[in-house]
């Protein structure tokens, strides 16, 4: 349940940053940050989810 909420928060951040970049930067230059943006947004998301799963697994095993 929490993972779904975190995912949508990161997705809204990604969409808002993409719109902001396209609005502020010329289209020829904006393609590069939009290509890099998923890495910046979803790597922290994946790290956060994996860290929570590892904590959950250690609690279940003990």
Protein backbone atom coordinates (compact mmCIF):
# COMPACT_ATOMS: atom_id res chain seq x y z
CA UNK A 1 0.00 0.00 0.00
CA UNK A 2 2.77 2.40 0.97
CA UNK A 3 4.77 1.47 -2.13
CA UNK A 4 1.88 2.54 -4.35
CA UNK A 5 1.60 5.92 -2.65
CA UNK A 6 5.34 6.49 -2.89
CA UNK A 7 5.26 5.52 -6.57
CA UNK A 8 2.55 8.07 -7.36
CA UNK A 9 4.38 10.80 -5.45
CA UNK A 10 7.53 10.13 -7.47
CA UNK A 11 5.47 9.97 -10.66
CA UNK A 12 3.89 13.37 -9.96
CA UNK A 13 7.35 14.81 -9.27
CA UNK A 14 8.58 13.35 -12.57
CA UNK A 15 5.66 14.75 -14.58
CA UNK A 16 5.87 18.17 -12.96
CA UNK A 17 9.63 18.40 -13.57
CA UNK A 18 9.15 17.31 -17.19
CA UNK A 19 6.48 19.97 -17.76
CA UNK A 20 8.63 22.59 -16.05
CA UNK A 21 11.66 21.72 -18.19
CA UNK A 22 9.64 21.81 -21.42
CA UNK A 23 8.13 25.13 -20.38
CA UNK A 24 11.40 26.84 -19.43
CA UNK A 25 13.93 25.31 -21.84
CA UNK A 26 13.91 25.38 -25.65
CA UNK A 27 12.67 22.11 -27.16
CA UNK A 28 16.00 21.19 -28.76
CA UNK A 29 17.81 21.33 -25.44
CA UNK A 30 14.96 19.94 -23.31
CA UNK A 31 15.21 16.43 -24.79
CA UNK A 32 18.43 15.67 -22.87
CA UNK A 33 17.14 16.53 -19.36
CA UNK A 34 13.89 14.69 -20.05
CA UNK A 35 15.93 11.62 -20.99
CA UNK A 36 17.98 11.85 -17.78
CA UNK A 37 15.03 12.73 -15.54
CA UNK A 38 13.72 9.15 -15.07
CA UNK A 39 17.10 8.16 -13.64
CA UNK A 40 17.05 11.05 -11.19
CA UNK A 41 13.48 10.33 -10.09
CA UNK A 42 13.24 6.54 -10.10
CA UNK A 43 16.65 5.53 -8.74
CA UNK A 44 15.84 7.08 -5.33
CA UNK A 45 12.40 5.45 -5.52
CA UNK A 46 13.92 2.01 -6.15
CA UNK A 47 16.51 2.49 -3.40
CA UNK A 48 13.77 3.49 -0.97
CA UNK A 49 11.58 0.51 -1.86
CA UNK A 50 14.46 -1.98 -1.70
CA UNK A 51 15.57 -0.60 1.67
CA UNK A 52 12.02 -0.99 3.02
CA UNK A 53 11.76 -4.53 1.66
CA UNK A 54 15.06 -5.55 3.26
CA UNK A 55 13.88 -4.20 6.62
CA UNK A 56 10.60 -6.05 6.24
CA UNK A 57 12.32 -9.32 5.34
CA UNK A 58 14.64 -9.18 8.34
CA UNK A 59 11.67 -8.59 10.66
CA UNK A 60 9.83 -11.58 9.20
CA UNK A 61 12.84 -13.88 9.50
CA UNK A 62 13.49 -13.12 13.17
